[in-house]
N, C-alpha and C. Protein backbone atom coordinates (compact mmCIF):
# COMPACT_ATOMS: atom_id res chain seq x y z
N MET A 1 -145.94 -34.84 17.00
CA MET A 1 -145.21 -34.66 18.19
C MET A 1 -143.74 -34.76 17.84
N ILE A 2 -142.82 -34.15 18.49
CA ILE A 2 -141.36 -34.20 18.44
C ILE A 2 -140.83 -34.09 19.84
N VAL A 3 -139.62 -34.58 19.93
CA VAL A 3 -138.92 -34.45 21.17
C VAL A 3 -137.98 -33.25 20.99
N VAL A 4 -137.82 -32.40 21.83
CA VAL A 4 -136.94 -31.44 21.82
C VAL A 4 -135.85 -31.42 22.97
N ASP A 5 -134.66 -30.96 22.71
CA ASP A 5 -133.70 -30.94 23.75
C ASP A 5 -133.81 -29.78 24.61
N THR A 6 -133.17 -29.68 25.70
CA THR A 6 -133.35 -28.49 26.58
C THR A 6 -132.92 -27.14 26.02
N ASN A 7 -131.98 -27.12 25.19
CA ASN A 7 -131.62 -25.84 24.48
C ASN A 7 -132.89 -25.27 23.78
N VAL A 8 -133.57 -26.11 23.13
CA VAL A 8 -134.77 -25.68 22.31
C VAL A 8 -135.92 -25.19 23.17
N ILE A 9 -135.90 -25.86 24.45
CA ILE A 9 -136.97 -25.40 25.39
C ILE A 9 -136.52 -23.90 25.81
N ALA A 10 -135.30 -23.82 26.07
CA ALA A 10 -134.72 -22.52 26.43
C ALA A 10 -135.09 -21.46 25.38
N TYR A 11 -134.87 -21.91 24.13
CA TYR A 11 -135.09 -20.92 22.90
C TYR A 11 -136.57 -20.52 22.91
N LEU A 12 -137.50 -21.47 23.30
CA LEU A 12 -138.89 -21.29 23.22
C LEU A 12 -139.30 -20.25 24.35
N ILE A 13 -138.75 -20.53 25.38
CA ILE A 13 -139.18 -19.57 26.68
C ILE A 13 -138.58 -18.34 26.62
N GLU A 14 -137.13 -18.17 26.43
CA GLU A 14 -136.45 -17.01 26.63
C GLU A 14 -136.19 -16.54 25.27
N ASP A 15 -135.73 -15.11 25.27
CA ASP A 15 -135.48 -14.48 24.07
C ASP A 15 -133.80 -14.91 23.82
N ARG A 16 -133.64 -15.63 23.00
CA ARG A 16 -132.23 -16.01 22.59
C ARG A 16 -132.16 -16.06 21.13
N PRO A 17 -130.89 -16.03 20.53
CA PRO A 17 -130.77 -15.96 19.14
C PRO A 17 -131.59 -16.89 18.29
N ALA A 18 -131.83 -18.11 18.79
CA ALA A 18 -132.59 -19.11 17.88
C ALA A 18 -134.01 -19.16 18.31
N SER A 19 -134.54 -18.32 19.00
CA SER A 19 -135.93 -18.31 19.62
C SER A 19 -136.91 -18.23 18.53
N ARG A 20 -136.66 -17.43 17.46
CA ARG A 20 -137.65 -17.29 16.40
C ARG A 20 -137.79 -18.69 15.70
N ARG A 21 -136.68 -19.37 15.41
CA ARG A 21 -136.78 -20.75 14.81
C ARG A 21 -137.41 -21.67 15.52
N ALA A 22 -137.13 -21.59 16.84
CA ALA A 22 -137.77 -22.70 17.78
C ALA A 22 -139.27 -22.49 17.79
N ARG A 23 -139.67 -21.18 17.87
CA ARG A 23 -141.10 -20.88 17.99
C ARG A 23 -141.85 -21.25 16.66
N ALA A 24 -141.21 -21.45 15.52
CA ALA A 24 -141.88 -21.84 14.44
C ALA A 24 -142.18 -23.29 14.11
N ILE A 25 -141.72 -24.08 15.16
CA ILE A 25 -141.86 -25.52 14.95
C ILE A 25 -143.12 -26.06 15.68
N ASP A 26 -143.30 -27.21 15.39
CA ASP A 26 -144.47 -28.06 15.98
C ASP A 26 -144.67 -27.73 17.38
N PRO A 27 -145.98 -27.34 17.95
CA PRO A 27 -146.18 -26.99 19.10
C PRO A 27 -146.45 -28.18 20.16
N GLU A 28 -146.26 -29.43 19.80
CA GLU A 28 -146.40 -30.46 20.67
C GLU A 28 -145.10 -31.27 20.92
N TRP A 29 -144.50 -30.90 22.10
CA TRP A 29 -143.12 -31.30 22.31
C TRP A 29 -143.16 -32.29 23.44
N ALA A 30 -142.27 -33.39 23.37
CA ALA A 30 -142.19 -34.37 24.35
C ALA A 30 -140.55 -34.32 24.83
N VAL A 31 -140.50 -34.69 26.14
CA VAL A 31 -139.06 -34.65 26.62
C VAL A 31 -138.88 -35.68 27.69
N PRO A 32 -137.56 -36.01 28.00
CA PRO A 32 -137.44 -36.95 29.09
C PRO A 32 -137.51 -36.13 30.35
N LEU A 33 -137.78 -36.83 31.53
CA LEU A 33 -137.82 -35.97 32.85
C LEU A 33 -136.53 -35.25 33.02
N LEU A 34 -135.42 -35.68 32.50
CA LEU A 34 -134.12 -35.04 32.70
C LEU A 34 -134.12 -33.57 32.29
N TRP A 35 -135.04 -33.04 31.42
CA TRP A 35 -135.06 -31.80 30.98
C TRP A 35 -135.10 -30.80 32.09
N ARG A 36 -135.68 -31.34 33.27
CA ARG A 36 -136.08 -30.33 34.42
C ARG A 36 -134.56 -29.79 35.03
N SER A 37 -133.81 -30.84 35.30
CA SER A 37 -132.49 -30.45 35.81
C SER A 37 -131.66 -29.76 34.89
N GLU A 38 -131.66 -30.14 33.53
CA GLU A 38 -130.93 -29.42 32.63
C GLU A 38 -131.34 -27.94 32.51
N TYR A 39 -132.60 -27.71 32.53
CA TYR A 39 -133.10 -26.36 32.23
C TYR A 39 -132.82 -25.67 33.52
N ARG A 40 -132.88 -26.18 34.64
CA ARG A 40 -132.53 -25.42 36.04
C ARG A 40 -131.10 -24.96 35.83
N ASN A 41 -130.26 -25.80 35.33
CA ASN A 41 -128.92 -25.42 35.17
C ASN A 41 -128.64 -24.38 34.12
N VAL A 42 -129.40 -24.34 33.13
CA VAL A 42 -129.42 -23.19 32.14
C VAL A 42 -129.74 -21.91 32.79
N LEU A 43 -130.90 -21.94 33.51
CA LEU A 43 -131.26 -20.85 34.24
C LEU A 43 -130.40 -20.37 35.38
N ALA A 44 -129.68 -21.33 36.08
CA ALA A 44 -128.71 -20.96 37.03
C ALA A 44 -127.58 -20.18 36.45
N GLY A 45 -127.05 -20.66 35.19
CA GLY A 45 -126.08 -19.91 34.53
C GLY A 45 -126.55 -18.36 34.27
N ASP A 46 -127.82 -18.40 33.84
CA ASP A 46 -128.30 -16.89 33.53
C ASP A 46 -128.30 -16.15 34.74
N ILE A 47 -128.72 -16.68 35.80
CA ILE A 47 -128.76 -15.99 37.22
C ILE A 47 -127.31 -15.59 37.51
N ARG A 48 -126.31 -16.41 37.38
CA ARG A 48 -125.02 -16.22 37.86
C ARG A 48 -124.44 -15.01 36.96
N ARG A 49 -124.78 -15.11 35.65
CA ARG A 49 -124.18 -13.98 34.75
C ARG A 49 -124.99 -12.74 34.89
N ARG A 50 -125.88 -12.83 35.79
CA ARG A 50 -126.83 -11.64 35.96
C ARG A 50 -127.54 -11.22 34.72
N GLN A 51 -127.99 -12.31 33.99
CA GLN A 51 -128.81 -12.12 32.88
C GLN A 51 -130.26 -12.25 33.12
N MET A 52 -130.53 -12.80 34.29
CA MET A 52 -131.97 -13.12 34.73
C MET A 52 -131.99 -12.96 36.26
N ALA A 53 -132.97 -12.42 36.73
CA ALA A 53 -133.28 -12.40 38.24
C ALA A 53 -133.84 -13.75 38.56
N VAL A 54 -133.79 -14.19 39.70
CA VAL A 54 -134.37 -15.44 40.21
C VAL A 54 -135.89 -15.58 39.98
N GLY A 55 -136.61 -14.52 40.24
CA GLY A 55 -138.07 -14.47 39.98
C GLY A 55 -138.23 -14.76 38.41
N ALA A 56 -137.58 -14.07 37.61
CA ALA A 56 -137.58 -14.24 36.34
C ALA A 56 -137.48 -15.71 35.69
N ALA A 57 -136.30 -16.30 36.49
CA ALA A 57 -135.97 -17.61 36.18
C ALA A 57 -137.11 -18.67 36.58
N LEU A 58 -137.65 -18.48 37.72
CA LEU A 58 -138.72 -19.31 38.18
C LEU A 58 -139.99 -19.17 37.12
N GLU A 59 -140.34 -18.04 36.81
CA GLU A 59 -141.38 -17.89 35.71
C GLU A 59 -140.95 -18.53 34.57
N ALA A 60 -139.76 -18.42 34.04
CA ALA A 60 -139.28 -19.18 32.76
C ALA A 60 -139.53 -20.78 32.94
N PHE A 61 -139.11 -21.12 34.17
CA PHE A 61 -139.21 -22.62 34.39
C PHE A 61 -140.75 -23.06 34.52
N GLN A 62 -141.54 -22.31 35.08
CA GLN A 62 -143.01 -22.64 35.17
C GLN A 62 -143.64 -22.59 33.82
N ALA A 63 -143.15 -21.62 32.94
CA ALA A 63 -143.68 -21.57 31.51
C ALA A 63 -143.15 -22.81 30.69
N ALA A 64 -141.97 -23.27 30.98
CA ALA A 64 -141.45 -24.48 30.31
C ALA A 64 -142.34 -25.72 30.79
N GLU A 65 -142.68 -25.72 32.13
CA GLU A 65 -143.39 -26.98 32.51
C GLU A 65 -144.67 -27.10 31.85
N LEU A 66 -145.36 -25.86 31.55
CA LEU A 66 -146.71 -25.84 30.96
C LEU A 66 -146.54 -26.34 29.37
N LEU A 67 -145.54 -26.12 28.78
CA LEU A 67 -145.19 -26.46 27.43
C LEU A 67 -145.17 -27.97 27.35
N VAL A 68 -144.65 -28.60 28.29
CA VAL A 68 -144.41 -30.12 28.11
C VAL A 68 -145.39 -30.83 29.07
N ALA A 69 -146.19 -30.12 29.68
CA ALA A 69 -147.22 -30.78 30.52
C ALA A 69 -147.82 -32.11 29.98
N ASP A 70 -147.72 -33.12 30.87
CA ASP A 70 -148.23 -34.57 30.36
C ASP A 70 -147.45 -35.18 29.10
N ARG A 71 -146.25 -34.68 28.94
CA ARG A 71 -145.52 -35.20 27.83
C ARG A 71 -144.01 -35.37 28.16
N GLU A 72 -143.81 -35.75 29.51
CA GLU A 72 -142.60 -35.93 30.08
C GLU A 72 -142.46 -37.53 30.09
N TYR A 73 -141.28 -37.99 29.75
CA TYR A 73 -141.12 -39.55 29.69
C TYR A 73 -139.81 -40.00 30.56
N GLN A 74 -139.93 -41.11 31.10
CA GLN A 74 -138.82 -41.78 31.68
C GLN A 74 -138.05 -42.54 30.66
N ALA A 75 -136.78 -42.21 30.50
CA ALA A 75 -135.99 -43.02 29.59
C ALA A 75 -135.71 -44.43 30.07
N ASP A 76 -135.57 -45.48 29.29
CA ASP A 76 -135.30 -46.76 29.67
C ASP A 76 -133.65 -46.81 29.76
N ALA A 77 -133.22 -47.18 30.95
CA ALA A 77 -131.79 -47.22 31.24
C ALA A 77 -131.05 -48.16 30.25
N ALA A 78 -131.52 -49.27 29.96
CA ALA A 78 -130.83 -50.22 28.97
C ALA A 78 -130.73 -49.59 27.51
N GLN A 79 -131.75 -48.95 27.20
CA GLN A 79 -131.81 -48.35 25.86
C GLN A 79 -130.67 -47.14 25.91
N VAL A 80 -130.80 -46.34 27.03
CA VAL A 80 -129.83 -45.19 27.10
C VAL A 80 -128.32 -45.71 26.95
N LEU A 81 -128.04 -46.84 27.75
CA LEU A 81 -126.60 -47.22 27.81
C LEU A 81 -126.29 -47.80 26.61
N ARG A 82 -127.16 -48.56 25.87
CA ARG A 82 -126.69 -48.99 24.54
C ARG A 82 -126.49 -47.88 23.49
N LEU A 83 -127.21 -46.76 23.59
CA LEU A 83 -127.00 -45.72 22.81
C LEU A 83 -125.62 -45.08 23.08
N VAL A 84 -125.27 -44.95 24.42
CA VAL A 84 -124.08 -44.55 24.95
C VAL A 84 -122.98 -45.33 24.36
N ALA A 85 -123.11 -46.65 24.44
CA ALA A 85 -122.08 -47.58 23.95
C ALA A 85 -121.70 -47.34 22.49
N GLY A 86 -122.68 -46.98 21.74
CA GLY A 86 -122.46 -46.90 20.20
C GLY A 86 -122.29 -45.44 19.80
N SER A 87 -122.07 -44.59 20.67
CA SER A 87 -121.82 -43.10 20.26
C SER A 87 -120.76 -42.51 21.21
N ARG A 88 -120.50 -41.14 20.96
CA ARG A 88 -119.66 -40.39 21.74
C ARG A 88 -120.41 -39.36 22.60
N CYS A 89 -121.65 -39.68 22.69
CA CYS A 89 -122.59 -38.73 23.41
C CYS A 89 -122.83 -39.18 24.88
N SER A 90 -123.15 -38.19 25.74
CA SER A 90 -123.39 -38.37 27.16
C SER A 90 -124.57 -39.13 27.34
N ALA A 91 -124.74 -39.67 28.35
CA ALA A 91 -125.95 -40.52 28.86
C ALA A 91 -127.14 -39.44 28.82
N TYR A 92 -126.81 -38.19 29.29
CA TYR A 92 -127.88 -37.02 29.19
C TYR A 92 -128.45 -36.87 27.90
N ASP A 93 -127.57 -36.66 26.82
CA ASP A 93 -128.09 -36.63 25.54
C ASP A 93 -128.73 -37.85 25.02
N CYS A 94 -128.28 -38.98 25.40
CA CYS A 94 -128.90 -40.30 24.74
C CYS A 94 -130.33 -40.53 25.47
N GLU A 95 -130.50 -39.84 26.63
CA GLU A 95 -131.84 -39.88 27.08
C GLU A 95 -133.00 -39.28 26.09
N PHE A 96 -132.53 -38.02 25.49
CA PHE A 96 -133.38 -37.50 24.52
C PHE A 96 -133.55 -38.50 23.22
N VAL A 97 -132.54 -39.07 22.88
CA VAL A 97 -132.50 -39.98 21.80
C VAL A 97 -133.39 -41.15 21.82
N ALA A 98 -133.23 -41.64 23.27
CA ALA A 98 -134.11 -42.81 23.64
C ALA A 98 -135.53 -42.59 23.54
N ILE A 99 -135.91 -41.37 24.02
CA ILE A 99 -137.38 -41.00 24.19
C ILE A 99 -137.86 -40.90 22.79
N ALA A 100 -137.05 -40.14 21.83
CA ALA A 100 -137.51 -40.11 20.37
C ALA A 100 -137.64 -41.24 19.84
N GLN A 101 -136.76 -42.23 20.00
CA GLN A 101 -136.82 -43.59 19.38
C GLN A 101 -138.08 -44.43 19.89
N THR A 102 -138.26 -44.30 21.17
CA THR A 102 -139.34 -44.99 21.75
C THR A 102 -140.77 -44.40 21.17
N LEU A 103 -140.79 -43.19 20.93
CA LEU A 103 -142.04 -42.57 20.49
C LEU A 103 -142.10 -42.65 19.11
N GLY A 104 -141.14 -42.87 18.32
CA GLY A 104 -140.94 -42.90 16.89
C GLY A 104 -141.18 -41.59 16.33
N VAL A 105 -140.60 -40.62 16.88
CA VAL A 105 -140.69 -39.30 16.39
C VAL A 105 -139.24 -38.63 16.45
N PRO A 106 -139.00 -37.63 15.62
CA PRO A 106 -137.66 -36.88 15.59
C PRO A 106 -137.40 -36.27 16.83
N LEU A 107 -136.02 -36.25 17.01
CA LEU A 107 -135.61 -35.39 18.21
C LEU A 107 -135.01 -34.08 17.39
N VAL A 108 -135.44 -32.90 17.95
CA VAL A 108 -134.94 -31.67 17.28
C VAL A 108 -133.99 -31.05 18.45
N THR A 109 -132.85 -30.85 17.90
CA THR A 109 -131.73 -30.48 18.83
C THR A 109 -131.04 -29.33 18.41
N ALA A 110 -130.32 -28.60 19.37
CA ALA A 110 -129.48 -27.39 19.01
C ALA A 110 -128.08 -28.07 18.91
N ASP A 111 -127.81 -29.16 19.24
CA ASP A 111 -126.65 -29.87 19.34
C ASP A 111 -126.22 -30.61 18.02
N ARG A 112 -125.32 -29.96 17.25
CA ARG A 112 -124.84 -30.43 15.89
C ARG A 112 -124.23 -31.91 16.03
N ARG A 113 -123.44 -32.03 17.13
CA ARG A 113 -122.84 -33.35 17.17
C ARG A 113 -123.87 -34.39 17.68
N LEU A 114 -124.84 -34.24 18.38
CA LEU A 114 -125.81 -35.10 18.64
C LEU A 114 -126.51 -35.44 17.36
N ALA A 115 -126.85 -34.61 16.44
CA ALA A 115 -127.64 -34.74 15.21
C ALA A 115 -126.66 -35.60 14.31
N ALA A 116 -125.36 -35.40 14.42
CA ALA A 116 -124.44 -36.07 13.55
C ALA A 116 -124.31 -37.73 14.00
N GLU A 117 -124.41 -37.84 15.48
CA GLU A 117 -124.13 -39.18 15.90
C GLU A 117 -125.43 -39.99 15.69
N PHE A 118 -126.57 -39.28 15.73
CA PHE A 118 -127.77 -40.20 15.56
C PHE A 118 -128.64 -39.47 14.37
N PRO A 119 -128.11 -39.60 13.12
CA PRO A 119 -128.75 -38.96 12.01
C PRO A 119 -130.21 -39.57 11.73
N GLU A 120 -130.44 -40.74 12.08
CA GLU A 120 -131.61 -41.43 11.78
C GLU A 120 -132.79 -40.98 12.84
N THR A 121 -132.47 -40.27 13.86
CA THR A 121 -133.40 -39.83 14.95
C THR A 121 -133.32 -38.34 15.21
N ALA A 122 -132.09 -37.73 15.22
CA ALA A 122 -131.98 -36.40 15.53
C ALA A 122 -131.67 -35.53 14.44
N ILE A 123 -132.21 -34.24 14.32
CA ILE A 123 -132.21 -33.30 13.25
C ILE A 123 -131.90 -32.02 14.06
N THR A 124 -131.02 -31.07 13.46
CA THR A 124 -130.77 -29.82 14.11
C THR A 124 -132.03 -28.81 14.04
N LEU A 125 -132.09 -28.12 14.97
CA LEU A 125 -133.27 -27.06 14.94
C LEU A 125 -133.15 -26.28 13.55
N ASP A 126 -132.10 -25.95 13.12
CA ASP A 126 -131.87 -25.12 11.90
C ASP A 126 -132.55 -25.90 10.71
N THR A 127 -132.26 -27.15 10.67
CA THR A 127 -132.65 -27.95 9.47
C THR A 127 -134.10 -28.05 9.64
N PHE A 128 -134.67 -28.58 10.77
CA PHE A 128 -136.01 -28.82 11.02
C PHE A 128 -136.90 -27.57 10.66
N ALA A 129 -136.38 -26.37 11.14
CA ALA A 129 -137.14 -25.26 10.96
C ALA A 129 -137.15 -24.61 9.60
N ALA A 130 -136.28 -25.12 8.78
CA ALA A 130 -136.11 -24.63 7.30
C ALA A 130 -137.22 -25.13 6.42
């Protein structure tokens, strides 16, 4: 099992430049509950840029839900805030780190800064897929 960030979920579901690399990794993904709001925001951007119709966005979201069914976790607030205090990352990003640390698995991320801030937990998609 690995934790993946929202960008990796988008790569798994949609056809994006990093999709091939994302689809080549471990098929058992875990995420914080926050992924739902973040992915809806990704899809909202696609809709606004007219890159995706509302119906297609809804289908993409439903496909993503199936990918992580029964593997969504609530991040511990104290742990997230400690991670924030020791880094330059947002609380949103630290939720993914917290879940990975709690589960004792790597966080695979498209965010190079996040991987640099938490090298003991996070690894970039490019490195993980290599």
